[in-house]
């Protein structure tokens, strides 16, 4: 009986974690950091030394540490619609970056 009570209490404690609030500024920081992490992975996925140094630089650039990053993950995990919006925004941002990198000569048609 004690085991059942302990398991029940653990289940309740784990299934109802407090979701930290995430300000608009923190959301923007996380999004920008995440985009750079995706780009880093795409460009340097096989070079571990560059990858580790770049990770530090990205987190430093966006003023994020592991606690803030995990806070953002928990906030997004608390509601699946947040992740959907997040990834929709990420895709739009990456598409815009791709469109901005095209040279004017390549986009002009005579």
Protein backbone atom coordinates (compact mmCIF):
# COMPACT_ATOMS: atom_id res chain seq x y z
CA UNK A 1 0.00 0.00 0.00
CA UNK A 2 2.83 2.42 0.84
CA UNK A 3 4.41 1.68 -2.53
CA UNK A 4 1.17 2.58 -4.32
CA UNK A 5 0.91 5.89 -2.43
CA UNK A 6 4.54 6.78 -3.17
CA UNK A 7 4.18 5.92 -6.86
CA UNK A 8 0.96 7.93 -7.06
CA UNK A 9 2.59 10.95 -5.43
CA UNK A 10 5.59 10.71 -7.76
CA UNK A 11 3.30 10.45 -10.75
CA UNK A 12 1.35 13.53 -9.70
CA UNK A 13 4.54 15.47 -8.99
CA UNK A 14 6.07 14.54 -12.36
CA UNK A 15 2.95 14.96 -14.46
CA UNK A 16 2.25 18.49 -13.26
CA UNK A 17 5.56 20.33 -13.58
CA UNK A 18 5.50 24.04 -13.19
CA UNK A 19 5.88 25.66 -16.56
CA UNK A 20 8.17 28.66 -16.44
CA UNK A 21 6.96 31.81 -18.11
CA UNK A 22 8.94 32.94 -21.12
CA UNK A 23 8.98 36.62 -22.05
CA UNK A 24 8.80 37.78 -25.66
CA UNK A 25 12.49 38.73 -25.43
CA UNK A 26 13.41 35.24 -24.19
CA UNK A 27 11.32 33.68 -26.96
CA UNK A 28 13.13 35.78 -29.57
CA UNK A 29 16.54 34.92 -28.09
CA UNK A 30 15.71 31.22 -28.14
CA UNK A 31 14.44 31.38 -31.72
CA UNK A 32 17.55 33.19 -33.00
CA UNK A 33 19.81 30.81 -31.12
CA UNK A 34 17.92 27.78 -32.44
CA UNK A 35 18.23 29.01 -36.03
CA UNK A 36 21.98 29.41 -35.65
CA UNK A 37 22.23 25.95 -34.06
CA UNK A 38 20.43 24.46 -37.08
CA UNK A 39 22.76 26.28 -39.45
CA UNK A 40 25.78 25.18 -37.45
CA UNK A 41 24.70 21.56 -37.65
CA UNK A 42 24.14 21.82 -41.38
CA UNK A 43 27.52 23.45 -42.04
CA UNK A 44 29.81 21.68 -39.55
CA UNK A 45 28.09 18.44 -38.55
CA UNK A 46 31.22 16.36 -38.86
CA UNK A 47 33.81 18.68 -37.30
CA UNK A 48 33.44 18.34 -33.52
CA UNK A 49 36.07 20.95 -32.59
CA UNK A 50 34.47 23.66 -34.71
CA UNK A 51 31.07 22.55 -33.49
CA UNK A 52 31.90 22.87 -29.76
CA UNK A 53 33.58 26.27 -30.16
CA UNK A 54 30.72 27.49 -32.32
CA UNK A 55 28.15 26.30 -29.78
CA UNK A 56 29.81 28.37 -27.09
CA UNK A 57 29.90 31.39 -29.36
CA UNK A 58 26.25 31.06 -30.33
CA UNK A 59 25.07 30.79 -26.73
CA UNK A 60 27.29 33.70 -25.73
CA UNK A 61 26.07 35.81 -28.67
CA UNK A 62 22.45 35.33 -27.65
CA UNK A 63 23.16 35.64 -23.93
CA UNK A 64 21.79 32.17 -23.20
CA UNK A 65 23.04 29.59 -20.75
CA UNK A 66 21.89 26.03 -20.24
CA UNK A 67 19.36 27.07 -17.58
CA UNK A 68 17.68 29.60 -19.87
CA UNK A 69 17.79 27.20 -22.81
CA UNK A 70 16.16 24.44 -20.75
CA UNK A 71 13.58 26.93 -19.47
CA UNK A 72 12.64 27.70 -23.08
CA UNK A 73 12.41 23.99 -23.89
CA UNK A 74 10.11 23.39 -20.91
CA UNK A 75 7.94 26.36 -21.90
CA UNK A 76 7.55 25.02 -25.45
CA UNK A 77 6.97 21.45 -24.23
CA UNK A 78 4.10 22.58 -22.03
CA UNK A 79 1.93 23.31 -25.08
CA UNK A 80 2.32 21.61 -28.46
CA UNK A 81 0.86 24.63 -30.27
CA UNK A 82 3.89 26.62 -29.12
CA UNK A 83 6.19 24.21 -30.95
CA UNK A 84 4.04 24.37 -34.08
CA UNK A 85 4.18 28.16 -34.11
CA UNK A 86 7.88 28.09 -33.28
CA UNK A 87 8.74 25.79 -36.20
CA UNK A 88 6.48 27.72 -38.57
CA UNK A 89 8.36 30.89 -37.61
CA UNK A 90 11.72 29.12 -37.98
CA UNK A 91 10.85 27.89 -41.47
CA UNK A 92 9.74 31.38 -42.55
CA UNK A 93 12.91 32.91 -41.13
CA UNK A 94 15.14 30.39 -42.89
CA UNK A 95 13.27 30.89 -46.17
CA UNK A 96 13.69 34.67 -45.84
CA UNK A 97 17.40 34.24 -45.17
CA UNK A 98 17.68 32.04 -48.24
CA UNK A 99 15.88 34.58 -50.39
CA UNK A 100 18.07 37.42 -49.11
CA UNK A 101 21.25 35.51 -49.99
CA UNK A 102 20.36 35.34 -53.67
CA UNK A 103 22.35 37.77 -55.74
CA UNK A 104 20.46 40.51 -57.62
CA UNK A 105 21.95 39.26 -60.90
CA UNK A 106 20.54 35.79 -60.31
CA UNK A 107 17.06 37.12 -59.55
CA UNK A 108 16.85 39.52 -62.53
CA UNK A 109 15.38 38.19 -65.72
CA UNK A 110 15.95 40.07 -68.94
